[in-house]
Each structure stands twice: as structure tokens, then as C-alpha cells.
Amino acid sequence: MNRLNVTINITALSQRGPKALARIIDRAHYHVACAQEAHAHYGARFTRTDTCVYFIRGALEAIVRKV
């Protein structure tokens, strides 16, 4: 009985995986786009480092908050 429950939970998790990964990446791209717009509005330079920082920040927020 216990083995059956574990098998079902693993299957359910693997089916949610691609959607969760897509949500995390989408949220990270959204953070980069918002930061890029804010930098353009205030006249600040938007560098490749900024892109990486905001992408990671957005991905981590999506993982922690599950928005």
C-alpha cells in the first residue's frame, strides 16, 4: 500500500514539473523586462550583469512564492 502511494506522488510531481519550470522561467523574464523598462525610464544603463541579477532574482521569487 505504501509503495503505491509513493508511485502516485512521483508521477504527479513529474507531470507538474514542466509547468512549474515554465512558470519560473516566465517570471524571471518578466522581472528582466520590468527592470529594463525602469532603467530606460530613469535613464540608467542596463548591463548584461543587471540582466543576470534580475533573472536570478525573478526565478528565486517564483520558486519561493509560487506565484
N, C-alpha and C. Protein backbone atom coordinates (compact mmCIF):
# COMPACT_ATOMS: atom_id res chain seq x y z
N MET A 1 0.82 -1.19 0.00
CA MET A 1 0.00 0.00 0.00
C MET A 1 0.87 1.26 0.00
N ASN A 2 1.91 1.26 0.78
CA ASN A 2 2.78 2.43 0.85
C ASN A 2 3.50 2.64 -0.48
N ARG A 3 3.93 1.58 -1.12
CA ARG A 3 4.64 1.70 -2.39
C ARG A 3 3.74 2.33 -3.45
N LEU A 4 2.47 1.99 -3.45
CA LEU A 4 1.53 2.56 -4.41
C LEU A 4 1.40 4.07 -4.23
N ASN A 5 1.31 4.52 -2.99
CA ASN A 5 1.20 5.96 -2.72
C ASN A 5 2.43 6.70 -3.21
N VAL A 6 3.60 6.14 -3.00
CA VAL A 6 4.83 6.78 -3.43
C VAL A 6 4.87 6.87 -4.95
N THR A 7 4.45 5.83 -5.64
CA THR A 7 4.45 5.83 -7.10
C THR A 7 3.50 6.90 -7.64
N ILE A 8 2.35 7.03 -7.04
CA ILE A 8 1.38 8.03 -7.48
C ILE A 8 1.93 9.43 -7.25
N ASN A 9 2.55 9.68 -6.10
CA ASN A 9 3.08 11.01 -5.81
C ASN A 9 4.21 11.37 -6.76
N ILE A 10 5.08 10.43 -7.09
CA ILE A 10 6.17 10.70 -8.02
C ILE A 10 5.62 11.01 -9.41
N THR A 11 4.61 10.28 -9.83
CA THR A 11 4.01 10.52 -11.13
C THR A 11 3.36 11.91 -11.18
N ALA A 12 2.66 12.28 -10.14
CA ALA A 12 2.02 13.59 -10.10
C ALA A 12 3.06 14.70 -10.12
N LEU A 13 4.16 14.51 -9.43
CA LEU A 13 5.21 15.52 -9.40
C LEU A 13 5.87 15.66 -10.77
N SER A 14 6.09 14.56 -11.47
CA SER A 14 6.74 14.64 -12.78
C SER A 14 5.82 15.30 -13.81
N GLN A 15 4.53 15.19 -13.63
CA GLN A 15 3.60 15.85 -14.55
C GLN A 15 3.53 17.35 -14.29
N ARG A 16 3.75 17.78 -13.05
CA ARG A 16 3.74 19.21 -12.73
C ARG A 16 5.06 19.87 -13.06
N GLY A 17 6.12 19.13 -13.22
CA GLY A 17 7.45 19.67 -13.42
C GLY A 17 7.59 20.64 -14.57
N PRO A 18 7.19 20.27 -15.78
CA PRO A 18 7.35 21.20 -16.91
C PRO A 18 6.56 22.51 -16.73
N LYS A 19 5.37 22.43 -16.15
CA LYS A 19 4.58 23.65 -15.94
C LYS A 19 5.25 24.54 -14.89
N ALA A 20 5.78 23.93 -13.85
CA ALA A 20 6.45 24.71 -12.81
C ALA A 20 7.70 25.37 -13.36
N LEU A 21 8.46 24.64 -14.16
CA LEU A 21 9.67 25.21 -14.75
C LEU A 21 9.32 26.35 -15.71
N ALA A 22 8.26 26.18 -16.48
CA ALA A 22 7.83 27.25 -17.39
C ALA A 22 7.40 28.48 -16.61
N ARG A 23 6.73 28.28 -15.48
CA ARG A 23 6.29 29.40 -14.65
C ARG A 23 7.49 30.15 -14.07
N ILE A 24 8.50 29.41 -13.62
CA ILE A 24 9.70 30.03 -13.05
C ILE A 24 10.43 30.85 -14.11
N ILE A 25 10.60 30.28 -15.29
CA ILE A 25 11.31 30.99 -16.36
C ILE A 25 10.52 32.21 -16.82
N ASP A 26 9.20 32.07 -16.92
CA ASP A 26 8.36 33.19 -17.33
C ASP A 26 8.45 34.33 -16.32
N ARG A 27 8.43 33.99 -15.06
CA ARG A 27 8.53 35.01 -14.01
C ARG A 27 9.89 35.71 -14.05
N ALA A 28 10.94 34.96 -14.32
CA ALA A 28 12.28 35.54 -14.42
C ALA A 28 12.36 36.50 -15.60
N HIS A 29 11.79 36.12 -16.73
CA HIS A 29 11.79 37.01 -17.90
C HIS A 29 10.97 38.27 -17.62
N TYR A 30 9.89 38.12 -16.89
CA TYR A 30 9.06 39.27 -16.53
C TYR A 30 9.86 40.26 -15.67
N HIS A 31 10.63 39.73 -14.72
CA HIS A 31 11.45 40.60 -13.87
C HIS A 31 12.49 41.36 -14.70
N VAL A 32 13.09 40.68 -15.65
CA VAL A 32 14.09 41.34 -16.51
C VAL A 32 13.42 42.44 -17.33
N ALA A 33 12.26 42.16 -17.90
CA ALA A 33 11.57 43.15 -18.72
C ALA A 33 11.17 44.38 -17.90
N CYS A 34 10.66 44.15 -16.69
CA CYS A 34 10.28 45.28 -15.83
C CYS A 34 11.50 46.11 -15.44
N ALA A 35 12.59 45.45 -15.12
CA ALA A 35 13.81 46.17 -14.75
C ALA A 35 14.35 46.96 -15.94
N GLN A 36 14.27 46.38 -17.12
CA GLN A 36 14.74 47.07 -18.32
C GLN A 36 13.91 48.33 -18.57
N GLU A 37 12.61 48.23 -18.39
CA GLU A 37 11.74 49.41 -18.56
C GLU A 37 12.05 50.47 -17.51
N ALA A 38 12.28 50.05 -16.28
CA ALA A 38 12.59 51.01 -15.21
C ALA A 38 13.92 51.71 -15.48
N HIS A 39 14.91 50.96 -15.93
CA HIS A 39 16.21 51.57 -16.25
C HIS A 39 16.06 52.57 -17.40
N ALA A 40 15.27 52.22 -18.40
CA ALA A 40 15.06 53.14 -19.53
C ALA A 40 14.32 54.40 -19.08
N HIS A 41 13.36 54.23 -18.19
CA HIS A 41 12.58 55.37 -17.71
C HIS A 41 13.45 56.35 -16.93
N TYR A 42 14.33 55.82 -16.09
CA TYR A 42 15.17 56.68 -15.26
C TYR A 42 16.50 57.04 -15.92
N GLY A 43 16.75 56.53 -17.11
CA GLY A 43 17.96 56.87 -17.85
C GLY A 43 19.21 56.16 -17.38
N ALA A 44 19.06 55.07 -16.67
CA ALA A 44 20.22 54.32 -16.19
C ALA A 44 20.62 53.28 -17.24
N ARG A 45 21.90 52.90 -17.24
CA ARG A 45 22.36 51.87 -18.16
C ARG A 45 21.88 50.50 -17.68
N PHE A 46 21.50 49.67 -18.62
CA PHE A 46 21.07 48.31 -18.31
C PHE A 46 22.11 47.36 -18.90
N THR A 47 22.90 46.75 -18.05
CA THR A 47 24.02 45.93 -18.50
C THR A 47 23.65 44.45 -18.49
N ARG A 48 24.55 43.65 -19.00
CA ARG A 48 24.37 42.20 -19.00
C ARG A 48 24.33 41.66 -17.57
N THR A 49 25.11 42.27 -16.70
CA THR A 49 25.10 41.86 -15.28
C THR A 49 23.73 42.13 -14.66
N ASP A 50 23.14 43.27 -14.99
CA ASP A 50 21.79 43.57 -14.50
C ASP A 50 20.80 42.52 -14.97
N THR A 51 20.93 42.12 -16.22
CA THR A 51 20.05 41.09 -16.77
C THR A 51 20.15 39.80 -15.97
N CYS A 52 21.37 39.38 -15.69
CA CYS A 52 21.58 38.14 -14.92
C CYS A 52 21.03 38.27 -13.50
N VAL A 53 21.29 39.40 -12.87
CA VAL A 53 20.83 39.60 -11.49
C VAL A 53 19.31 39.58 -11.42
N TYR A 54 18.65 40.30 -12.31
CA TYR A 54 17.19 40.35 -12.28
C TYR A 54 16.57 39.02 -12.70
N PHE A 55 17.22 38.28 -13.60
CA PHE A 55 16.71 36.97 -13.98
C PHE A 55 16.75 36.01 -12.80
N ILE A 56 17.88 35.99 -12.11
CA ILE A 56 18.02 35.10 -10.94
C ILE A 56 17.06 35.53 -9.84
N ARG A 57 16.94 36.82 -9.62
CA ARG A 57 16.04 37.33 -8.59
C ARG A 57 14.59 36.94 -8.89
N GLY A 58 14.19 37.05 -10.15
CA GLY A 58 12.83 36.68 -10.53
C GLY A 58 12.58 35.19 -10.42
N ALA A 59 13.57 34.38 -10.79
CA ALA A 59 13.42 32.93 -10.68
C ALA A 59 13.32 32.51 -9.22
N LEU A 60 14.15 33.08 -8.38
CA LEU A 60 14.09 32.73 -6.96
C LEU A 60 12.78 33.17 -6.33
N GLU A 61 12.27 34.31 -6.74
CA GLU A 61 10.98 34.74 -6.21
C GLU A 61 9.87 33.77 -6.61
N ALA A 62 9.92 33.31 -7.85
CA ALA A 62 8.91 32.36 -8.32
C ALA A 62 9.00 31.04 -7.57
N ILE A 63 10.21 30.62 -7.24
CA ILE A 63 10.39 29.36 -6.50
C ILE A 63 9.88 29.50 -5.08
N VAL A 64 10.21 30.62 -4.43
CA VAL A 64 9.85 30.81 -3.03
C VAL A 64 8.37 31.11 -2.86
N ARG A 65 7.85 32.01 -3.67
CA ARG A 65 6.46 32.45 -3.51
C ARG A 65 5.45 31.57 -4.24
N LYS A 66 5.88 30.87 -5.26
CA LYS A 66 5.00 30.04 -6.08
C LYS A 66 3.84 30.86 -6.63
N VAL A 67 4.17 32.02 -7.19
CA VAL A 67 3.16 32.93 -7.76
C VAL A 67 2.75 32.43 -9.11
